[in-house]
Amino acid sequence: MKTLALIVTCEHGGHVIPPPYRDLFKGRRNLLDSHSGYDLGALAMARRMAKRFDAPLFAATRSRLLVDLNRSIGHPNIFSGITRSLPATEKENILRKYYAPHRDPIQKSVSEAILNGRAVLHIAVHSFTPVLRGRSRSMDVGLLYDPARHGERHFCRTWKREMQAHSPKCSVRCNAPYKGVSDGLATYFRTLFTRDYMGIELELNQYHYQKGPAAWRRLGGVVLDGLEAALMNPDIN
């Protein structure tokens, strides 16, 4: 059985706007501070995961409102309503300076691990707002994966079971609040790496982050304890 290389990423870790584009965002501080600007708590959780498992971390702190690093080039929402109307040359500059420098090193890391005879577990850490367009999303944790890929399906079911064993009250759902096959970094990597790659998006309910640091740490403990147990016997085929 191949050894497993864990790679942790965080595409929406912050709400920084680079100086050349700050005039576009004047008067939009509340928007930048909201879920529209970044994934609250995701970076702290990604750092904690990478540290616990001694895994490389690829994290971005620039706001998704500049360019969404979890969207493929050509996706209608890769640029926000604020940046979508910029000239094509300026958008190309944003992709070159802020988009590619995040995604390209991750792709290289995955490729090198596979070339060295290892299998890759890529966990992209995200968080979601507990209420969207008036609808409540009550789950604590979501695990997004491609149901057609046995390794991802098996690993997420195992991870879910282990989390709930550690905390029976923790609500964990698979492919919620989003579908695991929707456009995203892991979805794109599946087209490049048909074998020895598992791409999973971890979605955490920001309700726990809003309750305070202790609640966020508790949820993180459940997630990471469950992940440690799941990593004991992964099925990567």
C-alpha atoms as a PDB file:
ATOM      1  CA  MET A   1       0.000   0.000   0.000  1.00  0.00           C
ATOM      2  CA  LYS A   2       1.329   3.456  -0.875  1.00  0.00           C
ATOM      3  CA  THR A   3       2.098   5.920   1.870  1.00  0.00           C
ATOM      4  CA  LEU A   4      -0.251   8.866   2.096  1.00  0.00           C
ATOM      5  CA  ALA A   5       0.889  12.471   1.757  1.00  0.00           C
ATOM      6  CA  LEU A   6      -1.458  14.975   3.404  1.00  0.00           C
ATOM      7  CA  ILE A   7      -1.597  18.443   1.844  1.00  0.00           C
ATOM      8  CA  VAL A   8      -3.666  21.203   3.475  1.00  0.00           C
ATOM      9  CA  THR A   9      -4.903  24.278   1.617  1.00  0.00           C
ATOM     10  CA  CYS A  10      -6.987  27.317   2.493  1.00  0.00           C
ATOM     11  CA  GLU A  11      -8.227  29.364  -0.452  1.00  0.00           C
ATOM     12  CA  HIS A  12     -10.264  31.950   1.472  1.00  0.00           C
ATOM     13  CA  GLY A  13      -8.132  32.549   4.546  1.00  0.00           C
ATOM     14  CA  GLY A  14      -8.281  36.343   4.688  1.00  0.00           C
ATOM     15  CA  HIS A  15      -9.803  39.562   3.399  1.00  0.00           C
ATOM     16  CA  VAL A  16      -6.696  41.529   2.427  1.00  0.00           C
ATOM     17  CA  ILE A  17      -6.933  43.776  -0.620  1.00  0.00           C
ATOM     18  CA  PRO A  18      -3.576  44.612  -2.260  1.00  0.00           C
ATOM     19  CA  PRO A  19      -2.779  48.367  -2.398  1.00  0.00           C
ATOM     20  CA  PRO A  20      -3.336  48.772  -6.176  1.00  0.00           C
ATOM     21  CA  TYR A  21      -6.986  47.746  -5.779  1.00  0.00           C
ATOM     22  CA  ARG A  22      -7.977  49.358  -2.487  1.00  0.00           C
ATOM     23  CA  ASP A  23      -9.770  52.265  -4.136  1.00  0.00           C
ATOM     24  CA  LEU A  24     -12.220  49.742  -5.599  1.00  0.00           C
ATOM     25  CA  PHE A  25     -13.160  48.659  -2.087  1.00  0.00           C
ATOM     26  CA  LYS A  26     -13.527  52.021  -0.362  1.00  0.00           C
ATOM     27  CA  GLY A  27     -16.608  52.022   1.826  1.00  0.00           C
ATOM     28  CA  ARG A  28     -16.914  48.219   1.638  1.00  0.00           C
ATOM     29  CA  ARG A  29     -15.306  47.285   4.961  1.00  0.00           C
ATOM     30  CA  ASN A  30     -18.407  45.467   6.200  1.00  0.00           C
ATOM     31  CA  LEU A  31     -18.527  43.422   3.008  1.00  0.00           C
ATOM     32  CA  LEU A  32     -14.861  42.470   3.295  1.00  0.00           C
ATOM     33  CA  ASP A  33     -15.374  41.457   6.930  1.00  0.00           C
ATOM     34  CA  SER A  34     -18.308  39.219   6.042  1.00  0.00           C
ATOM     35  CA  HIS A  35     -18.425  35.724   4.556  1.00  0.00           C
ATOM     36  CA  SER A  36     -18.488  37.355   1.154  1.00  0.00           C
ATOM     37  CA  GLY A  37     -14.956  38.552   1.835  1.00  0.00           C
ATOM     38  CA  TYR A  38     -13.429  35.407   3.339  1.00  0.00           C
ATOM     39  CA  ASP A  39     -14.075  32.176   5.241  1.00  0.00           C
ATOM     40  CA  LEU A  40     -14.164  33.082   8.919  1.00  0.00           C
ATOM     41  CA  GLY A  41     -11.999  30.775  11.030  1.00  0.00           C
ATOM     42  CA  ALA A  42     -10.785  28.665   8.116  1.00  0.00           C
ATOM     43  CA  LEU A  43      -7.166  29.788   8.238  1.00  0.00           C
ATOM     44  CA  ALA A  44      -6.819  29.088  11.958  1.00  0.00           C
ATOM     45  CA  MET A  45      -8.263  25.603  11.437  1.00  0.00           C
ATOM     46  CA  ALA A  46      -6.016  24.918   8.452  1.00  0.00           C
ATOM     47  CA  ARG A  47      -2.958  25.963  10.440  1.00  0.00           C
ATOM     48  CA  ARG A  48      -3.979  23.752  13.323  1.00  0.00           C
ATOM     49  CA  MET A  49      -4.466  20.780  10.996  1.00  0.00           C
ATOM     50  CA  ALA A  50      -1.143  21.275   9.230  1.00  0.00           C
ATOM     51  CA  LYS A  51       0.699  21.579  12.536  1.00  0.00           C
ATOM     52  CA  ARG A  52      -0.893  18.519  14.092  1.00  0.00           C
ATOM     53  CA  PHE A  53      -0.149  16.277  11.118  1.00  0.00           C
ATOM     54  CA  ASP A  54       3.124  17.917  10.070  1.00  0.00           C
ATOM     55  CA  ALA A  55       1.639  18.620   6.644  1.00  0.00           C
ATOM     56  CA  PRO A  56       2.485  21.389   4.185  1.00  0.00           C
ATOM     57  CA  LEU A  57       0.035  24.276   4.249  1.00  0.00           C
ATOM     58  CA  PHE A  58      -0.791  26.451   1.248  1.00  0.00           C
ATOM     59  CA  ALA A  59      -2.889  29.370   2.452  1.00  0.00           C
ATOM     60  CA  ALA A  60      -4.064  32.607   0.880  1.00  0.00           C
ATOM     61  CA  THR A  61      -5.114  35.720   2.776  1.00  0.00           C
ATOM     62  CA  ARG A  62      -6.276  37.970  -0.054  1.00  0.00           C
ATOM     63  CA  SER A  63     -10.016  38.412  -0.323  1.00  0.00           C
ATOM     64  CA  ARG A  64     -12.084  36.275  -2.643  1.00  0.00           C
ATOM     65  CA  LEU A  65     -13.702  39.554  -3.711  1.00  0.00           C
ATOM     66  CA  LEU A  66     -10.524  40.342  -5.645  1.00  0.00           C
ATOM     67  CA  VAL A  67     -10.325  36.901  -7.264  1.00  0.00           C
ATOM     68  CA  ASP A  68     -11.720  33.587  -6.055  1.00  0.00           C
ATOM     69  CA  LEU A  69      -8.872  31.093  -5.798  1.00  0.00           C
ATOM     70  CA  ASN A  70     -11.322  28.209  -5.547  1.00  0.00           C
ATOM     71  CA  ARG A  71     -12.823  28.898  -8.971  1.00  0.00           C
ATOM     72  CA  SER A  72     -11.477  27.773 -12.320  1.00  0.00           C
ATOM     73  CA  ILE A  73     -10.464  30.277 -14.961  1.00  0.00           C
ATOM     74  CA  GLY A  74     -13.538  30.996 -17.031  1.00  0.00           C
ATOM     75  CA  HIS A  75     -15.970  30.407 -14.166  1.00  0.00           C
ATOM     76  CA  PRO A  76     -18.502  33.278 -14.049  1.00  0.00           C
ATOM     77  CA  ASN A  77     -17.757  33.923 -10.362  1.00  0.00           C
ATOM     78  CA  ILE A  78     -13.979  33.863 -10.422  1.00  0.00           C
ATOM     79  CA  PHE A  79     -14.206  37.663 -10.271  1.00  0.00           C
ATOM     80  CA  SER A  80     -16.666  39.386  -7.962  1.00  0.00           C
ATOM     81  CA  GLY A  81     -19.154  42.043  -8.926  1.00  0.00           C
ATOM     82  CA  ILE A  82     -16.530  44.576  -7.876  1.00  0.00           C
ATOM     83  CA  THR A  83     -13.713  43.315 -10.105  1.00  0.00           C
ATOM     84  CA  ARG A  84     -15.658  41.711 -12.954  1.00  0.00           C
ATOM     85  CA  SER A  85     -15.872  44.943 -14.922  1.00  0.00           C
ATOM     86  CA  LEU A  86     -12.122  45.604 -14.843  1.00  0.00           C
ATOM     87  CA  PRO A  87     -10.354  45.631 -18.225  1.00  0.00           C
ATOM     88  CA  ALA A  88      -9.285  42.218 -19.481  1.00  0.00           C
ATOM     89  CA  THR A  89      -5.615  43.145 -19.166  1.00  0.00           C
ATOM     90  CA  GLU A  90      -6.107  44.072 -15.495  1.00  0.00           C
ATOM     91  CA  LYS A  91      -7.910  40.821 -14.758  1.00  0.00           C
ATOM     92  CA  GLU A  92      -5.091  38.909 -16.443  1.00  0.00           C
ATOM     93  CA  ASN A  93      -2.674  40.769 -14.189  1.00  0.00           C
ATOM     94  CA  ILE A  94      -4.668  39.730 -11.112  1.00  0.00           C
ATOM     95  CA  LEU A  95      -4.633  36.111 -12.237  1.00  0.00           C
ATOM     96  CA  ARG A  96      -0.878  36.236 -12.787  1.00  0.00           C
ATOM     97  CA  LYS A  97       0.003  38.008  -9.527  1.00  0.00           C
ATOM     98  CA  TYR A  98      -2.490  36.534  -7.058  1.00  0.00           C
ATOM     99  CA  TYR A  99      -4.241  33.482  -8.529  1.00  0.00           C
ATOM    100  CA  ALA A 100      -1.466  31.428 -10.098  1.00  0.00           C
ATOM    101  CA  PRO A 101       0.984  31.902  -7.166  1.00  0.00           C
ATOM    102  CA  HIS A 102      -1.479  30.095  -4.898  1.00  0.00           C
ATOM    103  CA  ARG A 103      -2.648  27.304  -7.180  1.00  0.00           C
ATOM    104  CA  ASP A 104       0.524  26.447  -9.074  1.00  0.00           C
ATOM    105  CA  PRO A 105       2.633  25.445  -6.019  1.00  0.00           C
ATOM    106  CA  ILE A 106      -0.176  23.199  -4.775  1.00  0.00           C
ATOM    107  CA  GLN A 107      -0.382  21.460  -8.130  1.00  0.00           C
ATOM    108  CA  LYS A 108       3.391  21.019  -8.119  1.00  0.00           C
ATOM    109  CA  SER A 109       3.329  19.548  -4.610  1.00  0.00           C
ATOM    110  CA  VAL A 110       0.620  17.038  -5.531  1.00  0.00           C
ATOM    111  CA  SER A 111       2.412  16.078  -8.731  1.00  0.00           C
ATOM    112  CA  GLU A 112       5.757  15.582  -6.994  1.00  0.00           C
ATOM    113  CA  ALA A 113       4.245  13.413  -4.266  1.00  0.00           C
ATOM    114  CA  ILE A 114       2.583  11.148  -6.842  1.00  0.00           C
ATOM    115  CA  LEU A 115       5.744  10.962  -8.950  1.00  0.00           C
ATOM    116  CA  ASN A 116       7.602   9.889  -5.801  1.00  0.00           C
ATOM    117  CA  GLY A 117       5.255   6.936  -5.374  1.00  0.00           C
ATOM    118  CA  ARG A 118       2.919   8.375  -2.755  1.00  0.00           C
ATOM    119  CA  ALA A 119      -0.817   8.896  -2.744  1.00  0.00           C
ATOM    120  CA  VAL A 120      -2.151  12.345  -1.893  1.00  0.00           C
ATOM    121  CA  LEU A 121      -4.920  13.383   0.452  1.00  0.00           C
ATOM    122  CA  HIS A 122      -5.658  17.041  -0.260  1.00  0.00           C
ATOM    123  CA  ILE A 123      -7.898  18.725   2.313  1.00  0.00           C
ATOM    124  CA  ALA A 124      -9.099  22.207   1.419  1.00  0.00           C
ATOM    125  CA  VAL A 125     -10.352  23.971   4.548  1.00  0.00           C
ATOM    126  CA  HIS A 126     -13.388  26.255   4.219  1.00  0.00           C
ATOM    127  CA  SER A 127     -16.214  27.569   6.370  1.00  0.00           C
ATOM    128  CA  PHE A 128     -19.827  28.446   5.614  1.00  0.00           C
ATOM    129  CA  THR A 129     -22.313  30.950   6.946  1.00  0.00           C
ATOM    130  CA  PRO A 130     -25.042  29.381   9.128  1.00  0.00           C
ATOM    131  CA  VAL A 131     -27.796  31.313   7.335  1.00  0.00           C
ATOM    132  CA  LEU A 132     -27.805  31.888   3.586  1.00  0.00           C
ATOM    133  CA  ARG A 133     -30.589  33.797   1.834  1.00  0.00           C
ATOM    134  CA  GLY A 134     -32.825  33.267   4.852  1.00  0.00           C
ATOM    135  CA  ARG A 135     -32.273  29.520   5.004  1.00  0.00           C
ATOM    136  CA  SER A 136     -30.677  27.934   8.064  1.00  0.00           C
ATOM    137  CA  ARG A 137     -27.852  25.436   7.600  1.00  0.00           C
ATOM    138  CA  SER A 138     -27.741  23.461  10.802  1.00  0.00           C
ATOM    139  CA  MET A 139     -24.939  20.964  10.153  1.00  0.00           C
ATOM    140  CA  ASP A 140     -21.677  21.468  12.040  1.00  0.00           C
ATOM    141  CA  VAL A 141     -19.374  19.939   9.432  1.00  0.00           C
ATOM    142  CA  GLY A 142     -19.648  19.210   5.733  1.00  0.00           C
ATOM    143  CA  LEU A 143     -17.360  16.887   3.778  1.00  0.00           C
ATOM    144  CA  LEU A 144     -17.363  17.460   0.025  1.00  0.00           C
ATOM    145  CA  TYR A 145     -16.103  14.780  -2.365  1.00  0.00           C
ATOM    146  CA  ASP A 146     -16.788  13.095  -5.683  1.00  0.00           C
ATOM    147  CA  PRO A 147     -19.115  10.114  -5.041  1.00  0.00           C
ATOM    148  CA  ALA A 148     -17.768   8.408  -8.165  1.00  0.00           C
ATOM    149  CA  ARG A 149     -14.281   8.164  -6.627  1.00  0.00           C
ATOM    150  CA  HIS A 150     -14.168   5.238  -4.234  1.00  0.00           C
ATOM    151  CA  GLY A 151     -11.246   6.518  -2.180  1.00  0.00           C
ATOM    152  CA  GLU A 152     -12.855   9.876  -1.485  1.00  0.00           C
ATOM    153  CA  ARG A 153     -16.233   8.340  -0.734  1.00  0.00           C
ATOM    154  CA  HIS A 154     -14.755   5.757   1.635  1.00  0.00           C
ATOM    155  CA  PHE A 155     -12.502   8.236   3.415  1.00  0.00           C
ATOM    156  CA  CYS A 156     -15.252  10.790   4.004  1.00  0.00           C
ATOM    157  CA  ARG A 157     -17.624   8.169   5.354  1.00  0.00           C
ATOM    158  CA  THR A 158     -14.895   6.945   7.681  1.00  0.00           C
ATOM    159  CA  TRP A 159     -14.013  10.481   8.787  1.00  0.00           C
ATOM    160  CA  LYS A 160     -17.684  11.250   9.424  1.00  0.00           C
ATOM    161  CA  ARG A 161     -18.094   8.083  11.494  1.00  0.00           C
ATOM    162  CA  GLU A 162     -15.007   8.856  13.562  1.00  0.00           C
ATOM    163  CA  MET A 163     -16.086  12.439  14.241  1.00  0.00           C
ATOM    164  CA  GLN A 164     -19.467  11.290  15.430  1.00  0.00           C
ATOM    165  CA  ALA A 165     -17.840   8.632  17.592  1.00  0.00           C
ATOM    166  CA  HIS A 166     -15.819  11.379  19.274  1.00  0.00           C
ATOM    167  CA  SER A 167     -18.842  13.672  19.578  1.00  0.00           C
ATOM    168  CA  PRO A 168     -22.242  12.035  18.979  1.00  0.00           C
ATOM    169  CA  LYS A 169     -23.981  15.417  18.952  1.00  0.00           C
ATOM    170  CA  CYS A 170     -21.810  16.711  16.103  1.00  0.00           C
ATOM    171  CA  SER A 171     -23.858  16.909  12.908  1.00  0.00           C
ATOM    172  CA  VAL A 172     -21.740  15.834   9.922  1.00  0.00           C
ATOM    173  CA  ARG A 173     -23.111  15.676   6.389  1.00  0.00           C
ATOM    174  CA  CYS A 174     -21.506  14.547   3.181  1.00  0.00           C
ATOM    175  CA  ASN A 175     -21.711  16.774   0.102  1.00  0.00           C
ATOM    176  CA  ALA A 176     -23.449  19.538   2.008  1.00  0.00           C
ATOM    177  CA  PRO A 177     -23.898  22.485   2.120  1.00  0.00           C
ATOM    178  CA  TYR A 178     -22.421  22.239  -1.395  1.00  0.00           C
ATOM    179  CA  LYS A 179     -21.882  19.451  -3.904  1.00  0.00           C
ATOM    180  CA  GLY A 180     -18.421  17.951  -4.012  1.00  0.00           C
ATOM    181  CA  VAL A 181     -18.392  17.907  -7.798  1.00  0.00           C
ATOM    182  CA  SER A 182     -19.101  21.626  -8.180  1.00  0.00           C
ATOM    183  CA  ASP A 183     -16.288  23.784  -9.521  1.00  0.00           C
ATOM    184  CA  GLY A 184     -13.387  24.073  -7.092  1.00  0.00           C
ATOM    185  CA  LEU A 185      -9.690  23.441  -6.706  1.00  0.00           C
ATOM    186  CA  ALA A 186     -10.128  19.769  -5.805  1.00  0.00           C
ATOM    187  CA  THR A 187     -12.556  19.279  -8.698  1.00  0.00           C
ATOM    188  CA  TYR A 188      -9.978  20.689 -11.091  1.00  0.00           C
ATOM    189  CA  PHE A 189      -7.202  18.521  -9.668  1.00  0.00           C
ATOM    190  CA  ARG A 190      -9.313  15.411 -10.222  1.00  0.00           C
ATOM    191  CA  THR A 191      -9.096  16.109 -13.941  1.00  0.00           C
ATOM    192  CA  LEU A 192      -5.301  16.202 -13.706  1.00  0.00           C
ATOM    193  CA  PHE A 193      -4.697  13.345 -11.287  1.00  0.00           C
ATOM    194  CA  THR A 194      -6.943  10.402 -12.066  1.00  0.00           C
ATOM    195  CA  ARG A 195      -5.100   8.070  -9.677  1.00  0.00           C
ATOM    196  CA  ASP A 196      -3.494   8.396  -6.248  1.00  0.00           C
ATOM    197  CA  TYR A 197      -5.305  11.652  -5.489  1.00  0.00           C
ATOM    198  CA  MET A 198      -8.143  12.333  -3.065  1.00  0.00           C
ATOM    199  CA  GLY A 199      -9.498  15.869  -2.922  1.00  0.00           C
ATOM    200  CA  ILE A 200     -11.807  16.715  -0.031  1.00  0.00           C
ATOM    201  CA  GLU A 201     -13.262  20.080   0.929  1.00  0.00           C
ATOM    202  CA  LEU A 202     -13.843  20.470   4.641  1.00  0.00           C
ATOM    203  CA  GLU A 203     -16.692  22.896   5.386  1.00  0.00           C
ATOM    204  CA  LEU A 204     -17.129  24.180   8.951  1.00  0.00           C
ATOM    205  CA  ASN A 205     -20.153  26.039  10.261  1.00  0.00           C
ATOM    206  CA  GLN A 206     -19.195  29.600  11.205  1.00  0.00           C
ATOM    207  CA  TYR A 207     -21.779  29.463  13.984  1.00  0.00           C
ATOM    208  CA  HIS A 208     -19.113  27.881  16.166  1.00  0.00           C
ATOM    209  CA  TYR A 209     -16.586  30.580  15.260  1.00  0.00           C
ATOM    210  CA  GLN A 210     -19.103  33.279  16.118  1.00  0.00           C
ATOM    211  CA  LYS A 211     -19.652  31.700  19.544  1.00  0.00           C
ATOM    212  CA  GLY A 212     -16.011  32.393  20.397  1.00  0.00           C
ATOM    213  CA  PRO A 213     -12.530  30.845  20.424  1.00  0.00           C
ATOM    214  CA  ALA A 214     -13.406  28.045  22.843  1.00  0.00           C
ATOM    215  CA  ALA A 215     -16.274  26.785  20.680  1.00  0.00           C
ATOM    216  CA  TRP A 216     -14.093  26.911  17.546  1.00  0.00           C
ATOM    217  CA  ARG A 217     -11.342  24.969  19.313  1.00  0.00           C
ATOM    218  CA  ARG A 218     -13.837  22.338  20.437  1.00  0.00           C
ATOM    219  CA  LEU A 219     -15.128  21.832  16.904  1.00  0.00           C
ATOM    220  CA  GLY A 220     -11.543  21.666  15.668  1.00  0.00           C
ATOM    221  CA  GLY A 221     -10.766  19.002  18.233  1.00  0.00           C
ATOM    222  CA  VAL A 222     -13.612  16.836  16.966  1.00  0.00           C
ATOM    223  CA  VAL A 223     -12.561  17.324  13.349  1.00  0.00           C
ATOM    224  CA  LEU A 224      -8.881  16.603  13.957  1.00  0.00           C
ATOM    225  CA  ASP A 225      -9.412  13.659  16.297  1.00  0.00           C
ATOM    226  CA  GLY A 226     -11.715  12.148  13.694  1.00  0.00           C
ATOM    227  CA  LEU A 227      -9.186  12.785  10.950  1.00  0.00           C
ATOM    228  CA  GLU A 228      -6.415  11.136  12.939  1.00  0.00           C
ATOM    229  CA  ALA A 229      -8.532   8.022  13.382  1.00  0.00           C
ATOM    230  CA  ALA A 230      -9.529   7.982   9.710  1.00  0.00           C
ATOM    231  CA  LEU A 231      -5.893   8.256   8.632  1.00  0.00           C
ATOM    232  CA  MET A 232      -5.070   4.999  10.430  1.00  0.00           C
ATOM    233  CA  ASN A 233      -6.494   2.930   7.589  1.00  0.00           C
ATOM    234  CA  PRO A 234      -7.256   4.940   4.438  1.00  0.00           C
ATOM    235  CA  ASP A 235      -8.481   3.213   1.280  1.00  0.00           C
ATOM    236  CA  ILE A 236      -6.979   5.208  -1.577  1.00  0.00           C
ATOM    237  CA  ASN A 237      -8.054   3.001  -4.487  1.00  0.00           C
END
